[in-house]
PDB file of N, CA and C in Angstrom:
ATOM      1  N   UNK A   1      -2.344 -36.145  28.607  1.00  0.00           N
ATOM      2  CA  UNK A   1      -3.147 -35.385  29.537  1.00  0.00           C
ATOM      3  C   UNK A   1      -4.377 -34.855  28.814  1.00  0.00           C
ATOM      4  N   UNK A   2      -5.519 -34.959  29.425  1.00  0.00           N
ATOM      5  CA  UNK A   2      -6.775 -34.558  28.814  1.00  0.00           C
ATOM      6  C   UNK A   2      -6.890 -33.034  28.784  1.00  0.00           C
ATOM      7  N   UNK A   3      -7.228 -32.517  27.607  1.00  0.00           N
ATOM      8  CA  UNK A   3      -7.364 -31.074  27.443  1.00  0.00           C
ATOM      9  C   UNK A   3      -8.737 -30.641  27.953  1.00  0.00           C
ATOM     10  N   UNK A   4      -8.764 -29.573  28.744  1.00  0.00           N
ATOM     11  CA  UNK A   4     -10.032 -29.044  29.222  1.00  0.00           C
ATOM     12  C   UNK A   4     -10.680 -28.234  28.112  1.00  0.00           C
ATOM     13  N   UNK A   5     -11.982 -28.372  27.946  1.00  0.00           N
ATOM     14  CA  UNK A   5     -12.707 -27.628  26.934  1.00  0.00           C
ATOM     15  C   UNK A   5     -13.107 -26.279  27.494  1.00  0.00           C
ATOM     16  N   UNK A   6     -13.008 -25.265  26.652  1.00  0.00           N
ATOM     17  CA  UNK A   6     -13.468 -23.939  27.053  1.00  0.00           C
ATOM     18  C   UNK A   6     -14.987 -23.931  27.025  1.00  0.00           C
ATOM     19  N   UNK A   7     -15.553 -22.925  27.615  1.00  0.00           N
ATOM     20  CA  UNK A   7     -17.015 -22.799  27.611  1.00  0.00           C
ATOM     21  C   UNK A   7     -17.508 -22.692  26.173  1.00  0.00           C
ATOM     22  N   UNK A   8     -16.779 -21.962  25.353  1.00  0.00           N
ATOM     23  CA  UNK A   8     -17.160 -21.829  23.951  1.00  0.00           C
ATOM     24  C   UNK A   8     -17.192 -23.196  23.265  1.00  0.00           C
ATOM     25  N   UNK A   9     -16.166 -24.013  23.498  1.00  0.00           N
ATOM     26  CA  UNK A   9     -16.120 -25.339  22.869  1.00  0.00           C
ATOM     27  C   UNK A   9     -17.274 -26.218  23.351  1.00  0.00           C
ATOM     28  N   UNK A  10     -17.619 -26.112  24.629  1.00  0.00           N
ATOM     29  CA  UNK A  10     -18.742 -26.877  25.167  1.00  0.00           C
ATOM     30  C   UNK A  10     -20.049 -26.426  24.532  1.00  0.00           C
ATOM     31  N   UNK A  11     -20.232 -25.105  24.401  1.00  0.00           N
ATOM     32  CA  UNK A  11     -21.445 -24.586  23.770  1.00  0.00           C
ATOM     33  C   UNK A  11     -21.533 -25.004  22.304  1.00  0.00           C
ATOM     34  N   UNK A  12     -20.410 -24.919  21.604  1.00  0.00           N
ATOM     35  CA  UNK A  12     -20.372 -25.316  20.201  1.00  0.00           C
ATOM     36  C   UNK A  12     -20.736 -26.790  20.042  1.00  0.00           C
ATOM     37  N   UNK A  13     -20.198 -27.637  20.909  1.00  0.00           N
ATOM     38  CA  UNK A  13     -20.518 -29.070  20.859  1.00  0.00           C
ATOM     39  C   UNK A  13     -22.007 -29.290  21.112  1.00  0.00           C
ATOM     40  N   UNK A  14     -22.582 -28.540  22.041  1.00  0.00           N
ATOM     41  CA  UNK A  14     -24.011 -28.652  22.323  1.00  0.00           C
ATOM     42  C   UNK A  14     -24.864 -28.242  21.138  1.00  0.00           C
ATOM     43  N   UNK A  15     -24.470 -27.173  20.474  1.00  0.00           N
ATOM     44  CA  UNK A  15     -25.194 -26.718  19.282  1.00  0.00           C
ATOM     45  C   UNK A  15     -25.107 -27.772  18.177  1.00  0.00           C
ATOM     46  N   UNK A  16     -23.938 -28.352  18.007  1.00  0.00           N
ATOM     47  CA  UNK A  16     -23.777 -29.383  16.982  1.00  0.00           C
ATOM     48  C   UNK A  16     -24.634 -30.605  17.291  1.00  0.00           C
ATOM     49  N   UNK A  17     -24.689 -31.007  18.579  1.00  0.00           N
ATOM     50  CA  UNK A  17     -25.547 -32.144  18.958  1.00  0.00           C
ATOM     51  C   UNK A  17     -27.017 -31.817  18.698  1.00  0.00           C
ATOM     52  N   UNK A  18     -27.430 -30.589  19.013  1.00  0.00           N
ATOM     53  CA  UNK A  18     -28.814 -30.174  18.785  1.00  0.00           C
ATOM     54  C   UNK A  18     -29.145 -30.174  17.300  1.00  0.00           C
ATOM     55  N   UNK A  19     -28.208 -29.690  16.491  1.00  0.00           N
ATOM     56  CA  UNK A  19     -28.419 -29.662  15.051  1.00  0.00           C
ATOM     57  C   UNK A  19     -28.571 -31.084  14.515  1.00  0.00           C
ATOM     58  N   UNK A  20     -27.721 -32.006  14.998  1.00  0.00           N
ATOM     59  CA  UNK A  20     -27.804 -33.398  14.554  1.00  0.00           C
ATOM     60  C   UNK A  20     -29.121 -34.027  14.986  1.00  0.00           C
ATOM     61  N   UNK A  21     -29.551 -33.711  16.213  1.00  0.00           N
ATOM     62  CA  UNK A  21     -30.810 -34.269  16.710  1.00  0.00           C
ATOM     63  C   UNK A  21     -31.984 -33.745  15.900  1.00  0.00           C
ATOM     64  N   UNK A  22     -31.949 -32.453  15.558  1.00  0.00           N
ATOM     65  CA  UNK A  22     -33.037 -31.852  14.786  1.00  0.00           C
ATOM     66  C   UNK A  22     -33.121 -32.449  13.385  1.00  0.00           C
ATOM     67  N   UNK A  23     -31.982 -32.812  12.832  1.00  0.00           N
ATOM     68  CA  UNK A  23     -31.990 -33.390  11.490  1.00  0.00           C
ATOM     69  C   UNK A  23     -32.270 -34.891  11.519  1.00  0.00           C
ATOM     70  N   UNK A  24     -32.341 -35.456  12.720  1.00  0.00           N
ATOM     71  CA  UNK A  24     -32.664 -36.876  12.850  1.00  0.00           C
ATOM     72  C   UNK A  24     -31.488 -37.795  12.634  1.00  0.00           C
ATOM     73  N   UNK A  25     -30.278 -37.258  12.589  1.00  0.00           N
ATOM     74  CA  UNK A  25     -29.118 -38.101  12.328  1.00  0.00           C
ATOM     75  C   UNK A  25     -28.578 -38.768  13.590  1.00  0.00           C
ATOM     76  N   UNK A  26     -28.978 -38.251  14.716  1.00  0.00           N
ATOM     77  CA  UNK A  26     -28.415 -38.813  15.950  1.00  0.00           C
ATOM     78  C   UNK A  26     -29.361 -38.537  17.112  1.00  0.00           C
ATOM     79  N   UNK A  27     -29.556 -39.535  17.954  1.00  0.00           N
ATOM     80  CA  UNK A  27     -30.385 -39.351  19.139  1.00  0.00           C
ATOM     81  C   UNK A  27     -29.595 -38.579  20.190  1.00  0.00           C
ATOM     82  N   UNK A  28     -30.277 -37.682  20.884  1.00  0.00           N
ATOM     83  CA  UNK A  28     -29.623 -36.902  21.928  1.00  0.00           C
ATOM     84  C   UNK A  28     -29.771 -37.638  23.253  1.00  0.00           C
ATOM     85  N   UNK A  29     -28.659 -37.863  23.906  1.00  0.00           N
ATOM     86  CA  UNK A  29     -28.689 -38.480  25.218  1.00  0.00           C
ATOM     87  C   UNK A  29     -28.269 -37.439  26.246  1.00  0.00           C
ATOM     88  N   UNK A  30     -28.968 -37.397  27.371  1.00  0.00           N
ATOM     89  CA  UNK A  30     -28.597 -36.417  28.378  1.00  0.00           C
ATOM     90  C   UNK A  30     -27.198 -36.707  28.913  1.00  0.00           C
ATOM     91  N   UNK A  31     -26.450 -35.657  29.127  1.00  0.00           N
ATOM     92  CA  UNK A  31     -25.082 -35.789  29.615  1.00  0.00           C
ATOM     93  C   UNK A  31     -25.068 -35.474  31.104  1.00  0.00           C
ATOM     94  N   UNK A  32     -24.515 -36.373  31.884  1.00  0.00           N
ATOM     95  CA  UNK A  32     -24.382 -36.163  33.322  1.00  0.00           C
ATOM     96  C   UNK A  32     -23.134 -35.333  33.540  1.00  0.00           C
ATOM     97  N   UNK A  33     -23.333 -34.085  33.896  1.00  0.00           N
ATOM     98  CA  UNK A  33     -22.205 -33.183  34.134  1.00  0.00           C
ATOM     99  C   UNK A  33     -21.552 -33.524  35.460  1.00  0.00           C
ATOM    100  N   UNK A  34     -20.277 -33.770  35.409  1.00  0.00           N
ATOM    101  CA  UNK A  34     -19.527 -34.024  36.633  1.00  0.00           C
ATOM    102  C   UNK A  34     -18.503 -32.922  36.771  1.00  0.00           C
ATOM    103  N   UNK A  35     -18.700 -32.110  37.785  1.00  0.00           N
ATOM    104  CA  UNK A  35     -17.736 -31.069  38.082  1.00  0.00           C
ATOM    105  C   UNK A  35     -17.523 -31.047  39.590  1.00  0.00           C
ATOM    106  N   UNK A  36     -16.709 -30.123  40.049  1.00  0.00           N
ATOM    107  CA  UNK A  36     -16.372 -30.066  41.470  1.00  0.00           C
ATOM    108  C   UNK A  36     -17.621 -29.926  42.339  1.00  0.00           C
ATOM    109  N   UNK A  37     -18.540 -29.080  41.932  1.00  0.00           N
ATOM    110  CA  UNK A  37     -19.756 -28.850  42.721  1.00  0.00           C
ATOM    111  C   UNK A  37     -20.601 -30.118  42.782  1.00  0.00           C
ATOM    112  N   UNK A  38     -20.738 -30.809  41.657  1.00  0.00           N
ATOM    113  CA  UNK A  38     -21.525 -32.044  41.606  1.00  0.00           C
ATOM    114  C   UNK A  38     -20.952 -33.098  42.550  1.00  0.00           C
ATOM    115  N   UNK A  39     -19.640 -33.247  42.534  1.00  0.00           N
ATOM    116  CA  UNK A  39     -19.003 -34.259  43.375  1.00  0.00           C
ATOM    117  C   UNK A  39     -19.188 -33.917  44.849  1.00  0.00           C
ATOM    118  N   UNK A  40     -19.036 -32.647  45.201  1.00  0.00           N
ATOM    119  CA  UNK A  40     -19.243 -32.223  46.592  1.00  0.00           C
ATOM    120  C   UNK A  40     -20.679 -32.483  47.025  1.00  0.00           C
ATOM    121  N   UNK A  41     -21.646 -32.194  46.139  1.00  0.00           N
ATOM    122  CA  UNK A  41     -23.053 -32.425  46.458  1.00  0.00           C
ATOM    123  C   UNK A  41     -23.333 -33.914  46.657  1.00  0.00           C
ATOM    124  N   UNK A  42     -22.767 -34.750  45.772  1.00  0.00           N
ATOM    125  CA  UNK A  42     -22.972 -36.193  45.918  1.00  0.00           C
ATOM    126  C   UNK A  42     -22.405 -36.690  47.243  1.00  0.00           C
ATOM    127  N   UNK A  43     -21.203 -36.226  47.585  1.00  0.00           N
ATOM    128  CA  UNK A  43     -20.609 -36.639  48.855  1.00  0.00           C
ATOM    129  C   UNK A  43     -21.448 -36.137  50.014  1.00  0.00           C
ATOM    130  N   UNK A  44     -21.979 -34.929  49.893  1.00  0.00           N
ATOM    131  CA  UNK A  44     -22.848 -34.382  50.937  1.00  0.00           C
ATOM    132  C   UNK A  44     -24.112 -35.208  51.122  1.00  0.00           C
ATOM    133  N   UNK A  45     -24.679 -35.673  50.017  1.00  0.00           N
ATOM    134  CA  UNK A  45     -25.884 -36.518  50.096  1.00  0.00           C
ATOM    135  C   UNK A  45     -25.597 -37.837  50.797  1.00  0.00           C
ATOM    136  N   UNK A  46     -24.376 -38.330  50.648  1.00  0.00           N
ATOM    137  CA  UNK A  46     -24.038 -39.606  51.278  1.00  0.00           C
ATOM    138  C   UNK A  46     -23.677 -39.449  52.748  1.00  0.00           C
ATOM    139  N   UNK A  47     -23.427 -38.198  53.164  1.00  0.00           N
ATOM    140  CA  UNK A  47     -23.033 -37.901  54.547  1.00  0.00           C
ATOM    141  C   UNK A  47     -21.726 -38.598  54.933  1.00  0.00           C
ATOM    142  N   UNK A  48     -20.822 -38.716  53.959  1.00  0.00           N
ATOM    143  CA  UNK A  48     -19.522 -39.323  54.210  1.00  0.00           C
ATOM    144  C   UNK A  48     -18.440 -38.252  54.180  1.00  0.00           C
ATOM    145  N   UNK A  49     -17.382 -38.485  54.945  1.00  0.00           N
ATOM    146  CA  UNK A  49     -16.227 -37.589  54.908  1.00  0.00           C
ATOM    147  C   UNK A  49     -15.493 -37.810  53.585  1.00  0.00           C
ATOM    148  N   UNK A  50     -14.549 -36.927  53.291  1.00  0.00           N
ATOM    149  CA  UNK A  50     -13.766 -37.103  52.077  1.00  0.00           C
ATOM    150  C   UNK A  50     -13.047 -38.448  52.090  1.00  0.00           C
ATOM    151  N   UNK A  51     -12.438 -38.793  53.220  1.00  0.00           N
ATOM    152  CA  UNK A  51     -11.688 -40.048  53.257  1.00  0.00           C
ATOM    153  C   UNK A  51     -12.620 -41.258  53.115  1.00  0.00           C
ATOM    154  N   UNK A  52     -13.791 -41.221  53.722  1.00  0.00           N
ATOM    155  CA  UNK A  52     -14.742 -42.329  53.605  1.00  0.00           C
ATOM    156  C   UNK A  52     -15.250 -42.457  52.163  1.00  0.00           C
ATOM    157  N   UNK A  53     -15.533 -41.321  51.534  1.00  0.00           N
ATOM    158  CA  UNK A  53     -16.036 -41.324  50.157  1.00  0.00           C
ATOM    159  C   UNK A  53     -14.969 -41.836  49.195  1.00  0.00           C
ATOM    160  N   UNK A  54     -13.720 -41.445  49.436  1.00  0.00           N
ATOM    161  CA  UNK A  54     -12.613 -41.916  48.601  1.00  0.00           C
ATOM    162  C   UNK A  54     -12.472 -43.435  48.703  1.00  0.00           C
ATOM    163  N   UNK A  55     -12.565 -43.963  49.912  1.00  0.00           N
ATOM    164  CA  UNK A  55     -12.484 -45.419  50.112  1.00  0.00           C
ATOM    165  C   UNK A  55     -13.645 -46.104  49.394  1.00  0.00           C
ATOM    166  N   UNK A  56     -14.845 -45.549  49.519  1.00  0.00           N
ATOM    167  CA  UNK A  56     -16.024 -46.113  48.864  1.00  0.00           C
ATOM    168  C   UNK A  56     -15.830 -46.186  47.351  1.00  0.00           C
ATOM    169  N   UNK A  57     -15.252 -45.128  46.777  1.00  0.00           N
ATOM    170  CA  UNK A  57     -15.038 -45.091  45.331  1.00  0.00           C
ATOM    171  C   UNK A  57     -13.807 -45.869  44.886  1.00  0.00           C
ATOM    172  N   UNK A  58     -12.935 -46.188  45.843  1.00  0.00           N
ATOM    173  CA  UNK A  58     -11.712 -46.908  45.508  1.00  0.00           C
ATOM    174  C   UNK A  58     -10.661 -46.016  44.878  1.00  0.00           C
ATOM    175  N   UNK A  59     -10.630 -44.741  45.305  1.00  0.00           N
ATOM    176  CA  UNK A  59      -9.632 -43.797  44.791  1.00  0.00           C
ATOM    177  C   UNK A  59      -8.837 -43.227  45.958  1.00  0.00           C
ATOM    178  N   UNK A  60      -7.692 -42.665  45.631  1.00  0.00           N
ATOM    179  CA  UNK A  60      -6.871 -42.002  46.644  1.00  0.00           C
ATOM    180  C   UNK A  60      -7.590 -40.750  47.139  1.00  0.00           C
ATOM    181  N   UNK A  61      -7.373 -40.412  48.399  1.00  0.00           N
ATOM    182  CA  UNK A  61      -7.953 -39.210  48.972  1.00  0.00           C
ATOM    183  C   UNK A  61      -7.525 -37.978  48.173  1.00  0.00           C
ATOM    184  N   UNK A  62      -6.284 -37.942  47.747  1.00  0.00           N
ATOM    185  CA  UNK A  62      -5.793 -36.800  46.968  1.00  0.00           C
ATOM    186  C   UNK A  62      -6.531 -36.680  45.634  1.00  0.00           C
ATOM    187  N   UNK A  63      -6.914 -37.811  45.061  1.00  0.00           N
ATOM    188  CA  UNK A  63      -7.668 -37.800  43.809  1.00  0.00           C
ATOM    189  C   UNK A  63      -9.034 -37.169  44.025  1.00  0.00           C
ATOM    190  N   UNK A  64      -9.721 -37.590  45.095  1.00  0.00           N
ATOM    191  CA  UNK A  64     -11.026 -37.016  45.399  1.00  0.00           C
ATOM    192  C   UNK A  64     -10.903 -35.516  45.654  1.00  0.00           C
ATOM    193  N   UNK A  65      -9.890 -35.115  46.374  1.00  0.00           N
ATOM    194  CA  UNK A  65      -9.690 -33.683  46.646  1.00  0.00           C
ATOM    195  C   UNK A  65      -9.447 -32.917  45.340  1.00  0.00           C
ATOM    196  N   UNK A  66      -8.673 -33.498  44.442  1.00  0.00           N
ATOM    197  CA  UNK A  66      -8.446 -32.850  43.146  1.00  0.00           C
ATOM    198  C   UNK A  66      -9.756 -32.692  42.373  1.00  0.00           C
ATOM    199  N   UNK A  67     -10.618 -33.710  42.436  1.00  0.00           N
ATOM    200  CA  UNK A  67     -11.921 -33.616  41.781  1.00  0.00           C
ATOM    201  C   UNK A  67     -12.749 -32.502  42.402  1.00  0.00           C
ATOM    202  N   UNK A  68     -12.813 -32.482  43.729  1.00  0.00           N
ATOM    203  CA  UNK A  68     -13.654 -31.503  44.419  1.00  0.00           C
ATOM    204  C   UNK A  68     -13.127 -30.083  44.268  1.00  0.00           C
ATOM    205  N   UNK A  69     -11.855 -29.932  43.989  1.00  0.00           N
ATOM    206  CA  UNK A  69     -11.284 -28.599  43.812  1.00  0.00           C
ATOM    207  C   UNK A  69     -11.196 -28.209  42.339  1.00  0.00           C
ATOM    208  N   UNK A  70     -11.703 -29.070  41.466  1.00  0.00           N
ATOM    209  CA  UNK A  70     -11.770 -28.748  40.048  1.00  0.00           C
ATOM    210  C   UNK A  70     -10.461 -28.868  39.291  1.00  0.00           C
ATOM    211  N   UNK A  71      -9.450 -29.472  39.908  1.00  0.00           N
ATOM    212  CA  UNK A  71      -8.167 -29.624  39.219  1.00  0.00           C
ATOM    213  C   UNK A  71      -8.175 -30.809  38.263  1.00  0.00           C
ATOM    214  N   UNK A  72      -8.991 -31.793  38.544  1.00  0.00           N
ATOM    215  CA  UNK A  72      -9.122 -32.988  37.707  1.00  0.00           C
ATOM    216  C   UNK A  72     -10.598 -33.359  37.620  1.00  0.00           C
ATOM    217  N   UNK A  73     -10.909 -34.216  36.666  1.00  0.00           N
ATOM    218  CA  UNK A  73     -12.262 -34.746  36.524  1.00  0.00           C
ATOM    219  C   UNK A  73     -12.202 -36.261  36.492  1.00  0.00           C
ATOM    220  N   UNK A  74     -13.166 -36.917  37.119  1.00  0.00           N
ATOM    221  CA  UNK A  74     -13.193 -38.380  37.075  1.00  0.00           C
ATOM    222  C   UNK A  74     -13.495 -38.866  35.665  1.00  0.00           C
ATOM    223  N   UNK A  75     -12.964 -40.029  35.347  1.00  0.00           N
ATOM    224  CA  UNK A  75     -13.196 -40.624  34.038  1.00  0.00           C
ATOM    225  C   UNK A  75     -13.561 -42.093  34.219  1.00  0.00           C
ATOM    226  N   UNK A  76     -14.022 -42.703  33.174  1.00  0.00           N
ATOM    227  CA  UNK A  76     -14.269 -44.142  33.127  1.00  0.00           C
ATOM    228  C   UNK A  76     -15.136 -44.675  34.247  1.00  0.00           C
ATOM    229  N   UNK A  77     -14.665 -45.722  34.926  1.00  0.00           N
ATOM    230  CA  UNK A  77     -15.453 -46.369  35.963  1.00  0.00           C
ATOM    231  C   UNK A  77     -15.838 -45.438  37.118  1.00  0.00           C
ATOM    232  N   UNK A  78     -14.953 -44.518  37.481  1.00  0.00           N
ATOM    233  CA  UNK A  78     -15.273 -43.594  38.575  1.00  0.00           C
ATOM    234  C   UNK A  78     -16.455 -42.708  38.182  1.00  0.00           C
ATOM    235  N   UNK A  79     -16.477 -42.277  36.950  1.00  0.00           N
ATOM    236  CA  UNK A  79     -17.586 -41.451  36.455  1.00  0.00           C
ATOM    237  C   UNK A  79     -18.894 -42.241  36.490  1.00  0.00           C
ATOM    238  N   UNK A  80     -18.846 -43.496  36.069  1.00  0.00           N
ATOM    239  CA  UNK A  80     -20.038 -44.351  36.087  1.00  0.00           C
ATOM    240  C   UNK A  80     -20.510 -44.597  37.521  1.00  0.00           C
ATOM    241  N   UNK A  81     -19.565 -44.802  38.415  1.00  0.00           N
ATOM    242  CA  UNK A  81     -19.917 -45.027  39.814  1.00  0.00           C
ATOM    243  C   UNK A  81     -20.567 -43.786  40.426  1.00  0.00           C
ATOM    244  N   UNK A  82     -20.057 -42.612  40.106  1.00  0.00           N
ATOM    245  CA  UNK A  82     -20.660 -41.371  40.590  1.00  0.00           C
ATOM    246  C   UNK A  82     -22.076 -41.203  40.046  1.00  0.00           C
ATOM    247  N   UNK A  83     -22.281 -41.590  38.793  1.00  0.00           N
ATOM    248  CA  UNK A  83     -23.626 -41.529  38.219  1.00  0.00           C
ATOM    249  C   UNK A  83     -24.566 -42.489  38.945  1.00  0.00           C
ATOM    250  N   UNK A  84     -24.080 -43.676  39.276  1.00  0.00           N
ATOM    251  CA  UNK A  84     -24.897 -44.640  40.013  1.00  0.00           C
ATOM    252  C   UNK A  84     -25.241 -44.105  41.405  1.00  0.00           C
ATOM    253  N   UNK A  85     -24.276 -43.480  42.061  1.00  0.00           N
ATOM    254  CA  UNK A  85     -24.524 -42.904  43.384  1.00  0.00           C
ATOM    255  C   UNK A  85     -25.563 -41.791  43.279  1.00  0.00           C
ATOM    256  N   UNK A  86     -25.482 -41.001  42.218  1.00  0.00           N
ATOM    257  CA  UNK A  86     -26.476 -39.940  42.028  1.00  0.00           C
ATOM    258  C   UNK A  86     -27.883 -40.531  41.881  1.00  0.00           C
ATOM    259  N   UNK A  87     -27.995 -41.639  41.155  1.00  0.00           N
ATOM    260  CA  UNK A  87     -29.299 -42.231  40.879  1.00  0.00           C
ATOM    261  C   UNK A  87     -29.893 -42.978  42.062  1.00  0.00           C
ATOM    262  N   UNK A  88     -29.083 -43.657  42.840  1.00  0.00           N
ATOM    263  CA  UNK A  88     -29.601 -44.455  43.959  1.00  0.00           C
ATOM    264  C   UNK A  88     -28.527 -44.599  45.035  1.00  0.00           C
ATOM    265  N   UNK A  89     -28.260 -43.529  45.788  1.00  0.00           N
ATOM    266  CA  UNK A  89     -27.135 -43.545  46.725  1.00  0.00           C
ATOM    267  C   UNK A  89     -27.214 -44.642  47.790  1.00  0.00           C
ATOM    268  N   UNK A  90     -28.386 -44.879  48.330  1.00  0.00           N
ATOM    269  CA  UNK A  90     -28.485 -45.862  49.418  1.00  0.00           C
ATOM    270  C   UNK A  90     -28.091 -47.264  48.963  1.00  0.00           C
ATOM    271  N   UNK A  91     -28.634 -47.696  47.844  1.00  0.00           N
ATOM    272  CA  UNK A  91     -28.343 -49.055  47.370  1.00  0.00           C
ATOM    273  C   UNK A  91     -26.883 -49.218  46.909  1.00  0.00           C
ATOM    274  N   UNK A  92     -26.376 -48.188  46.242  1.00  0.00           N
ATOM    275  CA  UNK A  92     -24.991 -48.276  45.765  1.00  0.00           C
ATOM    276  C   UNK A  92     -24.032 -48.331  46.947  1.00  0.00           C
ATOM    277  N   UNK A  93     -24.256 -47.472  47.934  1.00  0.00           N
ATOM    278  CA  UNK A  93     -23.389 -47.473  49.116  1.00  0.00           C
ATOM    279  C   UNK A  93     -23.491 -48.798  49.855  1.00  0.00           C
ATOM    280  N   UNK A  94     -24.700 -49.306  49.976  1.00  0.00           N
ATOM    281  CA  UNK A  94     -24.892 -50.605  50.648  1.00  0.00           C
ATOM    282  C   UNK A  94     -24.166 -51.711  49.889  1.00  0.00           C
ATOM    283  N   UNK A  95     -24.260 -51.687  48.559  1.00  0.00           N
ATOM    284  CA  UNK A  95     -23.597 -52.723  47.757  1.00  0.00           C
ATOM    285  C   UNK A  95     -22.078 -52.609  47.848  1.00  0.00           C
ATOM    286  N   UNK A  96     -21.564 -51.393  47.838  1.00  0.00           N
ATOM    287  CA  UNK A  96     -20.114 -51.210  47.901  1.00  0.00           C
ATOM    288  C   UNK A  96     -19.554 -51.446  49.293  1.00  0.00           C
ATOM    289  N   UNK A  97     -20.371 -51.288  50.299  1.00  0.00           N
ATOM    290  CA  UNK A  97     -19.892 -51.454  51.681  1.00  0.00           C
ATOM    291  C   UNK A  97     -19.814 -52.923  52.102  1.00  0.00           C
ATOM    292  N   UNK A  98     -20.420 -53.799  51.309  1.00  0.00           N
ATOM    293  CA  UNK A  98     -20.375 -55.232  51.650  1.00  0.00           C
ATOM    294  C   UNK A  98     -18.956 -55.760  51.532  1.00  0.00           C
ATOM    295  N   UNK A  99     -18.594 -56.675  52.422  1.00  0.00           N
ATOM    296  CA  UNK A  99     -17.249 -57.265  52.305  1.00  0.00           C
ATOM    297  C   UNK A  99     -17.109 -58.058  51.010  1.00  0.00           C
ATOM    298  N   UNK A 100     -15.935 -58.010  50.440  1.00  0.00           N
ATOM    299  CA  UNK A 100     -15.680 -58.690  49.154  1.00  0.00           C
ATOM    300  C   UNK A 100     -15.696 -60.188  49.305  1.00  0.00           C
TER     301      UNK A 100
END
């Protein structure tokens, strides 16, 4: 089971990334924060119900509800798909809605 990071741990990780970037040892890449609010906003932008959005993402409705209520966080392909929806919702939805 994935351990949730405390706010302190998140801040510490950010400071370490900044320190590495300042020293030139590592390029800083922006991190797409995915939390309950972000997922709700993305679903709101798509104007889809929870069940429709879950089908679009290929996840169980209960999984989407857990994400939106902050009990779980999406990982792997679901996270990438949410990032794609954030960047270009119309095209991603159109591509996913096509019959297989």
